[in-house]
Full PDB file with SEQRES, HELIX, SHEET, SSBOND, CRYST1, ORIGX, SCALE, CONECT and MASTER records, all heavy atoms in Angstrom:
SEQRES   1 A   35  SER LEU ARG TRP ILE ASN ARG VAL GLU ARG GLY GLU SER          
SEQRES   2 A   35  ASN LEU ASN TRP MET ASP MET ILE ARG LEU LEU ILE ILE          
SEQRES   3 A   35  LEU ASP LEU PRO PRO GLU LYS VAL ALA                          
HELIX    1 AA1 LEU A    2  GLU A    9  1                                   8    
HELIX    2 AA2 TRP A   17  ILE A   26  1                                  10    
HELIX    3 AA3 PRO A   31  VAL A   34  1                                   4    
CRYST1    1.000    1.000    1.000  90.00  90.00  90.00 P 1           1          
ORIGX1      1.000000  0.000000  0.000000        0.00000                         
ORIGX2      0.000000  1.000000  0.000000        0.00000                         
ORIGX3      0.000000  0.000000  1.000000        0.00000                         
SCALE1      1.000000  0.000000  0.000000        0.00000                         
SCALE2      0.000000  1.000000  0.000000        0.00000                         
SCALE3      0.000000  0.000000  1.000000        0.00000                         
ATOM      1  N   SER A   1     -11.864  -1.985  -2.693  1.00  0.00           N  
ATOM      2  CA  SER A   1     -12.876  -1.734  -1.675  1.00  0.00           C  
ATOM      3  C   SER A   1     -12.307  -0.921  -0.512  1.00  0.00           C  
ATOM      4  O   SER A   1     -11.104  -0.966  -0.227  1.00  0.00           O  
ATOM      5  CB  SER A   1     -13.434  -3.056  -1.139  1.00  0.00           C  
ATOM      6  OG  SER A   1     -12.463  -3.712  -0.348  1.00  0.00           O  
ATOM      7  N   LEU A   2     -13.186  -0.210   0.140  1.00  0.00           N  
ATOM      8  CA  LEU A   2     -12.828   0.530   1.342  1.00  0.00           C  
ATOM      9  C   LEU A   2     -12.323  -0.442   2.414  1.00  0.00           C  
ATOM     10  O   LEU A   2     -11.372  -0.141   3.141  1.00  0.00           O  
ATOM     11  CB  LEU A   2     -14.046   1.304   1.848  1.00  0.00           C  
ATOM     12  CG  LEU A   2     -13.915   2.016   3.181  1.00  0.00           C  
ATOM     13  CD1 LEU A   2     -12.814   3.056   3.124  1.00  0.00           C  
ATOM     14  CD2 LEU A   2     -15.240   2.651   3.564  1.00  0.00           C  
ATOM     15  N   ARG A   3     -12.936  -1.595   2.492  1.00  0.00           N  
ATOM     16  CA  ARG A   3     -12.526  -2.613   3.474  1.00  0.00           C  
ATOM     17  C   ARG A   3     -11.065  -3.018   3.262  1.00  0.00           C  
ATOM     18  O   ARG A   3     -10.311  -3.193   4.219  1.00  0.00           O  
ATOM     19  CB  ARG A   3     -13.444  -3.838   3.364  1.00  0.00           C  
ATOM     20  CG  ARG A   3     -13.123  -4.906   4.370  1.00  0.00           C  
ATOM     21  CD  ARG A   3     -14.192  -6.007   4.330  1.00  0.00           C  
ATOM     22  NE  ARG A   3     -13.914  -6.980   5.367  1.00  0.00           N  
ATOM     23  CZ  ARG A   3     -13.522  -8.216   5.141  1.00  0.00           C  
ATOM     24  NH1 ARG A   3     -13.390  -8.648   3.894  1.00  0.00           N  
ATOM     25  NH2 ARG A   3     -13.289  -9.042   6.129  1.00  0.00           N  
ATOM     26  N   TRP A   4     -10.643  -3.158   2.012  1.00  0.00           N  
ATOM     27  CA  TRP A   4      -9.261  -3.549   1.718  1.00  0.00           C  
ATOM     28  C   TRP A   4      -8.300  -2.467   2.180  1.00  0.00           C  
ATOM     29  O   TRP A   4      -7.273  -2.760   2.796  1.00  0.00           O  
ATOM     30  CB  TRP A   4      -9.097  -3.834   0.229  1.00  0.00           C  
ATOM     31  CG  TRP A   4      -7.734  -4.337  -0.123  1.00  0.00           C  
ATOM     32  CD1 TRP A   4      -7.286  -5.620  -0.009  1.00  0.00           C  
ATOM     33  CD2 TRP A   4      -6.648  -3.574  -0.646  1.00  0.00           C  
ATOM     34  NE1 TRP A   4      -5.976  -5.702  -0.425  1.00  0.00           N  
ATOM     35  CE2 TRP A   4      -5.559  -4.455  -0.823  1.00  0.00           C  
ATOM     36  CE3 TRP A   4      -6.481  -2.245  -0.983  1.00  0.00           C  
ATOM     37  CZ2 TRP A   4      -4.326  -4.042  -1.322  1.00  0.00           C  
ATOM     38  CZ3 TRP A   4      -5.254  -1.837  -1.485  1.00  0.00           C  
ATOM     39  CH2 TRP A   4      -4.195  -2.734  -1.648  1.00  0.00           C  
ATOM     40  N   ILE A   5      -8.612  -1.201   1.912  1.00  0.00           N  
ATOM     41  CA  ILE A   5      -7.763  -0.085   2.359  1.00  0.00           C  
ATOM     42  C   ILE A   5      -7.660  -0.107   3.878  1.00  0.00           C  
ATOM     43  O   ILE A   5      -6.571   0.041   4.447  1.00  0.00           O  
ATOM     44  CB  ILE A   5      -8.313   1.282   1.876  1.00  0.00           C  
ATOM     45  CG1 ILE A   5      -8.273   1.384   0.350  1.00  0.00           C  
ATOM     46  CG2 ILE A   5      -7.563   2.439   2.525  1.00  0.00           C  
ATOM     47  CD1 ILE A   5      -6.889   1.359  -0.264  1.00  0.00           C  
ATOM     48  N   ASN A   6      -8.777  -0.310   4.534  1.00  0.00           N  
ATOM     49  CA  ASN A   6      -8.788  -0.362   5.991  1.00  0.00           C  
ATOM     50  C   ASN A   6      -7.894  -1.491   6.503  1.00  0.00           C  
ATOM     51  O   ASN A   6      -7.135  -1.312   7.458  1.00  0.00           O  
ATOM     52  CB  ASN A   6     -10.231  -0.525   6.478  1.00  0.00           C  
ATOM     53  CG  ASN A   6     -10.344  -0.352   7.960  1.00  0.00           C  
ATOM     54  OD1 ASN A   6     -10.210  -1.323   8.704  1.00  0.00           O  
ATOM     55  ND2 ASN A   6     -10.589   0.867   8.388  1.00  0.00           N  
ATOM     56  N   ARG A   7      -7.970  -2.650   5.871  1.00  0.00           N  
ATOM     57  CA  ARG A   7      -7.135  -3.789   6.283  1.00  0.00           C  
ATOM     58  C   ARG A   7      -5.649  -3.521   6.034  1.00  0.00           C  
ATOM     59  O   ARG A   7      -4.808  -3.890   6.840  1.00  0.00           O  
ATOM     60  CB  ARG A   7      -7.570  -5.057   5.543  1.00  0.00           C  
ATOM     61  CG  ARG A   7      -8.909  -5.603   6.023  1.00  0.00           C  
ATOM     62  CD  ARG A   7      -9.338  -6.834   5.234  1.00  0.00           C  
ATOM     63  NE  ARG A   7      -8.282  -7.813   5.093  1.00  0.00           N  
ATOM     64  CZ  ARG A   7      -8.029  -8.812   5.950  1.00  0.00           C  
ATOM     65  NH1 ARG A   7      -8.779  -8.951   7.010  1.00  0.00           N  
ATOM     66  NH2 ARG A   7      -7.050  -9.660   5.731  1.00  0.00           N  
ATOM     67  N   VAL A   8      -5.322  -2.851   4.938  1.00  0.00           N  
ATOM     68  CA  VAL A   8      -3.925  -2.498   4.651  1.00  0.00           C  
ATOM     69  C   VAL A   8      -3.400  -1.574   5.744  1.00  0.00           C  
ATOM     70  O   VAL A   8      -2.320  -1.776   6.289  1.00  0.00           O  
ATOM     71  CB  VAL A   8      -3.778  -1.837   3.259  1.00  0.00           C  
ATOM     72  CG1 VAL A   8      -2.403  -1.212   3.091  1.00  0.00           C  
ATOM     73  CG2 VAL A   8      -4.036  -2.851   2.154  1.00  0.00           C  
ATOM     74  N   GLU A   9      -4.176  -0.542   6.066  1.00  0.00           N  
ATOM     75  CA  GLU A   9      -3.737   0.426   7.068  1.00  0.00           C  
ATOM     76  C   GLU A   9      -3.613  -0.185   8.456  1.00  0.00           C  
ATOM     77  O   GLU A   9      -2.826   0.293   9.270  1.00  0.00           O  
ATOM     78  CB  GLU A   9      -4.675   1.635   7.092  1.00  0.00           C  
ATOM     79  CG  GLU A   9      -4.535   2.504   5.873  1.00  0.00           C  
ATOM     80  CD  GLU A   9      -5.291   3.817   5.976  1.00  0.00           C  
ATOM     81  OE1 GLU A   9      -5.940   4.087   7.016  1.00  0.00           O  
ATOM     82  OE2 GLU A   9      -5.225   4.593   5.007  1.00  0.00           O  
ATOM     83  N   ARG A  10      -4.353  -1.237   8.739  1.00  0.00           N  
ATOM     84  CA  ARG A  10      -4.247  -1.914  10.034  1.00  0.00           C  
ATOM     85  C   ARG A  10      -3.192  -3.019  10.020  1.00  0.00           C  
ATOM     86  O   ARG A  10      -2.990  -3.688  11.027  1.00  0.00           O  
ATOM     87  CB  ARG A  10      -5.605  -2.490  10.435  1.00  0.00           C  
ATOM     88  CG  ARG A  10      -6.615  -1.416  10.793  1.00  0.00           C  
ATOM     89  CD  ARG A  10      -7.861  -1.974  11.469  1.00  0.00           C  
ATOM     90  NE  ARG A  10      -8.258  -3.273  10.984  1.00  0.00           N  
ATOM     91  CZ  ARG A  10      -9.341  -3.542  10.261  1.00  0.00           C  
ATOM     92  NH1 ARG A  10     -10.155  -2.582   9.936  1.00  0.00           N  
ATOM     93  NH2 ARG A  10      -9.626  -4.769   9.877  1.00  0.00           N  
ATOM     94  N   GLY A  11      -2.549  -3.233   8.881  1.00  0.00           N  
ATOM     95  CA  GLY A  11      -1.516  -4.260   8.786  1.00  0.00           C  
ATOM     96  C   GLY A  11      -2.066  -5.673   8.717  1.00  0.00           C  
ATOM     97  O   GLY A  11      -1.393  -6.633   9.065  1.00  0.00           O  
ATOM     98  N   GLU A  12      -3.278  -5.799   8.223  1.00  0.00           N  
ATOM     99  CA  GLU A  12      -3.939  -7.102   8.163  1.00  0.00           C  
ATOM    100  C   GLU A  12      -3.950  -7.715   6.765  1.00  0.00           C  
ATOM    101  O   GLU A  12      -4.530  -8.772   6.566  1.00  0.00           O  
ATOM    102  CB  GLU A  12      -5.377  -6.978   8.664  1.00  0.00           C  
ATOM    103  CG  GLU A  12      -5.472  -6.566  10.101  1.00  0.00           C  
ATOM    104  CD  GLU A  12      -6.899  -6.330  10.551  1.00  0.00           C  
ATOM    105  OE1 GLU A  12      -7.825  -6.436   9.713  1.00  0.00           O  
ATOM    106  OE2 GLU A  12      -7.077  -6.033  11.740  1.00  0.00           O  
ATOM    107  N   SER A  13      -3.326  -7.061   5.812  1.00  0.00           N  
ATOM    108  CA  SER A  13      -3.371  -7.542   4.434  1.00  0.00           C  
ATOM    109  C   SER A  13      -1.966  -7.653   3.858  1.00  0.00           C  
ATOM    110  O   SER A  13      -1.136  -6.774   4.060  1.00  0.00           O  
ATOM    111  CB  SER A  13      -4.198  -6.572   3.581  1.00  0.00           C  
ATOM    112  OG  SER A  13      -4.294  -7.029   2.263  1.00  0.00           O  
ATOM    113  N   ASN A  14      -1.706  -8.757   3.166  1.00  0.00           N  
ATOM    114  CA  ASN A  14      -0.464  -8.899   2.405  1.00  0.00           C  
ATOM    115  C   ASN A  14      -0.721  -8.358   1.009  1.00  0.00           C  
ATOM    116  O   ASN A  14      -1.596  -8.839   0.302  1.00  0.00           O  
ATOM    117  CB  ASN A  14      -0.051 -10.373   2.291  1.00  0.00           C  
ATOM    118  CG  ASN A  14       0.662 -10.852   3.512  1.00  0.00           C  
ATOM    119  OD1 ASN A  14       1.396 -10.113   4.150  1.00  0.00           O  
ATOM    120  ND2 ASN A  14       0.445 -12.110   3.851  1.00  0.00           N  
ATOM    121  N   LEU A  15       0.035  -7.341   0.637  1.00  0.00           N  
ATOM    122  CA  LEU A  15      -0.154  -6.738  -0.675  1.00  0.00           C  
ATOM    123  C   LEU A  15       0.673  -7.461  -1.718  1.00  0.00           C  
ATOM    124  O   LEU A  15       1.769  -7.928  -1.418  1.00  0.00           O  
ATOM    125  CB  LEU A  15       0.317  -5.278  -0.658  1.00  0.00           C  
ATOM    126  CG  LEU A  15      -0.580  -4.255  -0.010  1.00  0.00           C  
ATOM    127  CD1 LEU A  15      -0.532  -4.374   1.480  1.00  0.00           C  
ATOM    128  CD2 LEU A  15      -0.162  -2.889  -0.453  1.00  0.00           C  
ATOM    129  N   ASN A  16       0.159  -7.528  -2.925  1.00  0.00           N  
ATOM    130  CA  ASN A  16       1.006  -7.993  -4.019  1.00  0.00           C  
ATOM    131  C   ASN A  16       1.830  -6.797  -4.478  1.00  0.00           C  
ATOM    132  O   ASN A  16       1.550  -5.643  -4.137  1.00  0.00           O  
ATOM    133  CB  ASN A  16       0.183  -8.635  -5.150  1.00  0.00           C  
ATOM    134  CG  ASN A  16      -0.725  -7.641  -5.842  1.00  0.00           C  
ATOM    135  OD1 ASN A  16      -0.331  -6.536  -6.190  1.00  0.00           O  
ATOM    136  ND2 ASN A  16      -1.972  -8.047  -6.051  1.00  0.00           N  
ATOM    137  N   TRP A  17       2.849  -7.053  -5.264  1.00  0.00           N  
ATOM    138  CA  TRP A  17       3.770  -5.972  -5.650  1.00  0.00           C  
ATOM    139  C   TRP A  17       3.097  -4.904  -6.496  1.00  0.00           C  
ATOM    140  O   TRP A  17       3.412  -3.732  -6.407  1.00  0.00           O  
ATOM    141  CB  TRP A  17       5.015  -6.540  -6.333  1.00  0.00           C  
ATOM    142  CG  TRP A  17       4.778  -7.202  -7.651  1.00  0.00           C  
ATOM    143  CD1 TRP A  17       4.489  -8.509  -7.870  1.00  0.00           C  
ATOM    144  CD2 TRP A  17       4.811  -6.582  -8.932  1.00  0.00           C  
ATOM    145  NE1 TRP A  17       4.326  -8.750  -9.208  1.00  0.00           N  
ATOM    146  CE2 TRP A  17       4.531  -7.578  -9.896  1.00  0.00           C  
ATOM    147  CE3 TRP A  17       5.053  -5.287  -9.369  1.00  0.00           C  
ATOM    148  CZ2 TRP A  17       4.483  -7.303 -11.252  1.00  0.00           C  
ATOM    149  CZ3 TRP A  17       5.004  -5.024 -10.732  1.00  0.00           C  
ATOM    150  CH2 TRP A  17       4.721  -6.037 -11.649  1.00  0.00           C  
ATOM    151  N   MET A  18       2.116  -5.285  -7.296  1.00  0.00           N  
ATOM    152  CA  MET A  18       1.441  -4.297  -8.146  1.00  0.00           C  
ATOM    153  C   MET A  18       0.632  -3.314  -7.302  1.00  0.00           C  
ATOM    154  O   MET A  18       0.668  -2.108  -7.543  1.00  0.00           O  
ATOM    155  CB  MET A  18       0.551  -5.000  -9.166  1.00  0.00           C  
ATOM    156  CG  MET A  18       1.360  -5.737 -10.222  1.00  0.00           C  
ATOM    157  SD  MET A  18       0.361  -6.728 -11.350  1.00  0.00           S  
ATOM    158  CE  MET A  18      -0.725  -5.527 -12.055  1.00  0.00           C  
ATOM    159  N   ASP A  19      -0.081  -3.830  -6.303  1.00  0.00           N  
ATOM    160  CA  ASP A  19      -0.857  -2.947  -5.430  1.00  0.00           C  
ATOM    161  C   ASP A  19       0.066  -2.046  -4.616  1.00  0.00           C  
ATOM    162  O   ASP A  19      -0.245  -0.875  -4.392  1.00  0.00           O  
ATOM    163  CB  ASP A  19      -1.763  -3.754  -4.499  1.00  0.00           C  
ATOM    164  CG  ASP A  19      -2.927  -4.379  -5.233  1.00  0.00           C  
ATOM    165  OD1 ASP A  19      -3.326  -3.846  -6.289  1.00  0.00           O  
ATOM    166  OD2 ASP A  19      -3.448  -5.400  -4.752  1.00  0.00           O  
ATOM    167  N   MET A  20       1.181  -2.585  -4.170  1.00  0.00           N  
ATOM    168  CA  MET A  20       2.118  -1.780  -3.396  1.00  0.00           C  
ATOM    169  C   MET A  20       2.654  -0.619  -4.240  1.00  0.00           C  
ATOM    170  O   MET A  20       2.695   0.524  -3.783  1.00  0.00           O  
ATOM    171  CB  MET A  20       3.275  -2.623  -2.878  1.00  0.00           C  
ATOM    172  CG  MET A  20       4.212  -1.823  -1.985  1.00  0.00           C  
ATOM    173  SD  MET A  20       5.527  -2.800  -1.285  1.00  0.00           S  
ATOM    174  CE  MET A  20       4.617  -3.889  -0.230  1.00  0.00           C  
ATOM    175  N   ILE A  21       3.029  -0.904  -5.467  1.00  0.00           N  
ATOM    176  CA  ILE A  21       3.549   0.146  -6.351  1.00  0.00           C  
ATOM    177  C   ILE A  21       2.473   1.200  -6.619  1.00  0.00           C  
ATOM    178  O   ILE A  21       2.749   2.397  -6.586  1.00  0.00           O  
ATOM    179  CB  ILE A  21       4.094  -0.456  -7.663  1.00  0.00           C  
ATOM    180  CG1 ILE A  21       5.378  -1.245  -7.366  1.00  0.00           C  
ATOM    181  CG2 ILE A  21       4.346   0.624  -8.709  1.00  0.00           C  
ATOM    182  CD1 ILE A  21       5.892  -2.066  -8.520  1.00  0.00           C  
ATOM    183  N   ARG A  22       1.248   0.756  -6.869  1.00  0.00           N  
ATOM    184  CA  ARG A  22       0.159   1.708  -7.106  1.00  0.00           C  
ATOM    185  C   ARG A  22      -0.055   2.619  -5.904  1.00  0.00           C  
ATOM    186  O   ARG A  22      -0.224   3.826  -6.046  1.00  0.00           O  
ATOM    187  CB  ARG A  22      -1.138   0.974  -7.446  1.00  0.00           C  
ATOM    188  CG  ARG A  22      -1.079   0.329  -8.821  1.00  0.00           C  
ATOM    189  CD  ARG A  22      -2.360  -0.356  -9.179  1.00  0.00           C  
ATOM    190  NE  ARG A  22      -3.323   0.684  -9.555  1.00  0.00           N  
ATOM    191  CZ  ARG A  22      -4.628   0.527  -9.467  1.00  0.00           C  
ATOM    192  NH1 ARG A  22      -5.139  -0.597  -9.028  1.00  0.00           N  
ATOM    193  NH2 ARG A  22      -5.439   1.486  -9.812  1.00  0.00           N  
ATOM    194  N   LEU A  23      -0.031   2.031  -4.696  1.00  0.00           N  
ATOM    195  CA  LEU A  23      -0.185   2.844  -3.491  1.00  0.00           C  
ATOM    196  C   LEU A  23       0.931   3.876  -3.365  1.00  0.00           C  
ATOM    197  O   LEU A  23       0.688   5.038  -3.049  1.00  0.00           O  
ATOM    198  CB  LEU A  23      -0.186   1.954  -2.238  1.00  0.00           C  
ATOM    199  CG  LEU A  23      -1.505   1.316  -1.835  1.00  0.00           C  
ATOM    200  CD1 LEU A  23      -1.288   0.321  -0.715  1.00  0.00           C  
ATOM    201  CD2 LEU A  23      -2.513   2.371  -1.428  1.00  0.00           C  
ATOM    202  N   LEU A  24       2.170   3.444  -3.610  1.00  0.00           N  
ATOM    203  CA  LEU A  24       3.301   4.359  -3.501  1.00  0.00           C  
ATOM    204  C   LEU A  24       3.185   5.504  -4.502  1.00  0.00           C  
ATOM    205  O   LEU A  24       3.483   6.656  -4.174  1.00  0.00           O  
ATOM    206  CB  LEU A  24       4.623   3.611  -3.695  1.00  0.00           C  
ATOM    207  CG  LEU A  24       4.941   2.522  -2.668  1.00  0.00           C  
ATOM    208  CD1 LEU A  24       6.311   1.917  -2.941  1.00  0.00           C  
ATOM    209  CD2 LEU A  24       4.844   3.027  -1.255  1.00  0.00           C  
ATOM    210  N   ILE A  25       2.743   5.202  -5.714  1.00  0.00           N  
ATOM    211  CA  ILE A  25       2.591   6.245  -6.734  1.00  0.00           C  
ATOM    212  C   ILE A  25       1.456   7.208  -6.358  1.00  0.00           C  
ATOM    213  O   ILE A  25       1.637   8.422  -6.391  1.00  0.00           O  
ATOM    214  CB  ILE A  25       2.352   5.622  -8.125  1.00  0.00           C  
ATOM    215  CG1 ILE A  25       3.627   4.922  -8.595  1.00  0.00           C  
ATOM    216  CG2 ILE A  25       1.899   6.679  -9.123  1.00  0.00           C  
ATOM    217  CD1 ILE A  25       3.448   4.052  -9.820  1.00  0.00           C  
ATOM    218  N   ILE A  26       0.319   6.662  -5.987  1.00  0.00           N  
ATOM    219  CA  ILE A  26      -0.834   7.503  -5.641  1.00  0.00           C  
ATOM    220  C   ILE A  26      -0.510   8.418  -4.464  1.00  0.00           C  
ATOM    221  O   ILE A  26      -0.877   9.592  -4.450  1.00  0.00           O  
ATOM    222  CB  ILE A  26      -2.074   6.630  -5.330  1.00  0.00           C  
ATOM    223  CG1 ILE A  26      -2.585   5.984  -6.620  1.00  0.00           C  
ATOM    224  CG2 ILE A  26      -3.171   7.440  -4.650  1.00  0.00           C  
ATOM    225  CD1 ILE A  26      -3.606   4.891  -6.408  1.00  0.00           C  
ATOM    226  N   LEU A  27       0.209   7.882  -3.471  1.00  0.00           N  
ATOM    227  CA  LEU A  27       0.519   8.658  -2.265  1.00  0.00           C  
ATOM    228  C   LEU A  27       1.859   9.383  -2.351  1.00  0.00           C  
ATOM    229  O   LEU A  27       2.278  10.021  -1.389  1.00  0.00           O  
ATOM    230  CB  LEU A  27       0.479   7.745  -1.038  1.00  0.00           C  
ATOM    231  CG  LEU A  27      -0.900   7.157  -0.741  1.00  0.00           C  
ATOM    232  CD1 LEU A  27      -0.810   6.125   0.366  1.00  0.00           C  
ATOM    233  CD2 LEU A  27      -1.902   8.254  -0.393  1.00  0.00           C  
ATOM    234  N   ASP A  28       2.504   9.288  -3.523  1.00  0.00           N  
ATOM    235  CA  ASP A  28       3.781   9.969  -3.764  1.00  0.00           C  
ATOM    236  C   ASP A  28       4.829   9.624  -2.705  1.00  0.00           C  
ATOM    237  O   ASP A  28       5.475  10.498  -2.133  1.00  0.00           O  
ATOM    238  CB  ASP A  28       3.558  11.480  -3.847  1.00  0.00           C  
ATOM    239  CG  ASP A  28       4.731  12.204  -4.491  1.00  0.00           C  
ATOM    240  OD1 ASP A  28       5.424  11.582  -5.322  1.00  0.00           O  
ATOM    241  OD2 ASP A  28       4.962  13.378  -4.154  1.00  0.00           O  
ATOM    242  N   LEU A  29       4.962   8.319  -2.436  1.00  0.00           N  
ATOM    243  CA  LEU A  29       5.938   7.833  -1.460  1.00  0.00           C  
ATOM    244  C   LEU A  29       7.123   7.205  -2.183  1.00  0.00           C  
ATOM    245  O   LEU A  29       6.938   6.281  -2.968  1.00  0.00           O  
ATOM    246  CB  LEU A  29       5.300   6.771  -0.549  1.00  0.00           C  
ATOM    247  CG  LEU A  29       4.312   7.274   0.482  1.00  0.00           C  
ATOM    248  CD1 LEU A  29       3.577   6.102   1.106  1.00  0.00           C  
ATOM    249  CD2 LEU A  29       5.024   8.086   1.543  1.00  0.00           C  
ATOM    250  N   PRO A  30       8.343   7.675  -1.916  1.00  0.00           N  
ATOM    251  CA  PRO A  30       9.516   7.059  -2.537  1.00  0.00           C  
ATOM    252  C   PRO A  30       9.783   5.673  -1.939  1.00  0.00           C  
ATOM    253  O   PRO A  30       9.723   5.509  -0.714  1.00  0.00           O  
ATOM    254  CB  PRO A  30      10.667   8.013  -2.214  1.00  0.00           C  
ATOM    255  CG  PRO A  30      10.117   9.078  -1.345  1.00  0.00           C  
ATOM    256  CD  PRO A  30       8.662   8.838  -1.129  1.00  0.00           C  
ATOM    257  N   PRO A  31      10.062   4.682  -2.764  1.00  0.00           N  
ATOM    258  CA  PRO A  31      10.296   3.324  -2.269  1.00  0.00           C  
ATOM    259  C   PRO A  31      11.417   3.245  -1.228  1.00  0.00           C  
ATOM    260  O   PRO A  31      11.326   2.474  -0.285  1.00  0.00           O  
ATOM    261  CB  PRO A  31      10.660   2.522  -3.520  1.00  0.00           C  
ATOM    262  CG  PRO A  31      10.221   3.344  -4.666  1.00  0.00           C  
ATOM    263  CD  PRO A  31      10.139   4.760  -4.207  1.00  0.00           C  
ATOM    264  N   GLU A  32      12.464   4.076  -1.386  1.00  0.00           N  
ATOM    265  CA  GLU A  32      13.579   4.042  -0.432  1.00  0.00           C  
ATOM    266  C   GLU A  32      13.098   4.444   0.961  1.00  0.00           C  
ATOM    267  O   GLU A  32      13.513   3.859   1.953  1.00  0.00           O  
ATOM    268  CB  GLU A  32      14.708   5.008  -0.831  1.00  0.00           C  
ATOM    269  CG  GLU A  32      15.141   4.990  -2.267  1.00  0.00           C  
ATOM    270  CD  GLU A  32      14.239   5.793  -3.206  1.00  0.00           C  
ATOM    271  OE1 GLU A  32      13.931   6.986  -2.955  1.00  0.00           O  
ATOM    272  OE2 GLU A  32      13.844   5.209  -4.211  1.00  0.00           O  
ATOM    273  N   LYS A  33      12.240   5.448   1.018  1.00  0.00           N  
ATOM    274  CA  LYS A  33      11.707   5.903   2.305  1.00  0.00           C  
ATOM    275  C   LYS A  33      10.875   4.804   2.945  1.00  0.00           C  
ATOM    276  O   LYS A  33      10.968   4.554   4.146  1.00  0.00           O  
ATOM    277  CB  LYS A  33      10.867   7.163   2.115  1.00  0.00           C  
ATOM    278  CG  LYS A  33      10.219   7.641   3.394  1.00  0.00           C  
ATOM    279  CD  LYS A  33       9.345   8.845   3.180  1.00  0.00           C  
ATOM    280  CE  LYS A  33       8.689   9.203   4.508  1.00  0.00           C  
ATOM    281  NZ  LYS A  33       7.783  10.291   4.431  1.00  0.00           N  
ATOM    282  N   VAL A  34      10.051   4.152   2.140  1.00  0.00           N  
ATOM    283  CA  VAL A  34       9.196   3.086   2.650  1.00  0.00           C  
ATOM    284  C   VAL A  34      10.053   1.943   3.198  1.00  0.00           C  
ATOM    285  O   VAL A  34       9.836   1.467   4.310  1.00  0.00           O  
ATOM    286  CB  VAL A  34       8.234   2.577   1.560  1.00  0.00           C  
ATOM    287  CG1 VAL A  34       7.446   1.371   2.034  1.00  0.00           C  
ATOM    288  CG2 VAL A  34       7.303   3.698   1.130  1.00  0.00           C  
ATOM    289  N   ALA A  35      11.060   1.531   2.428  1.00  0.00           N  
ATOM    290  CA  ALA A  35      11.939   0.439   2.878  1.00  0.00           C  
ATOM    291  C   ALA A  35      12.609   0.797   4.193  1.00  0.00           C  
ATOM    292  O   ALA A  35      12.684  -0.030   5.109  1.00  0.00           O  
ATOM    293  CB  ALA A  35      12.984   0.134   1.804  1.00  0.00           C  
TER     294      ALA A  35                                                      
MASTER        0    0    0    3    0    0    0    6  293    1    0    3          
END                                                                             
């Protein structure tokens, strides 16, 4: 949902590891940079 994306971007949601990996892949973000 759009609401979930909004909550993630505001830091209001705890992501599970699968969603985090999907976001990193979709946005082409290297895990090392994120860490």
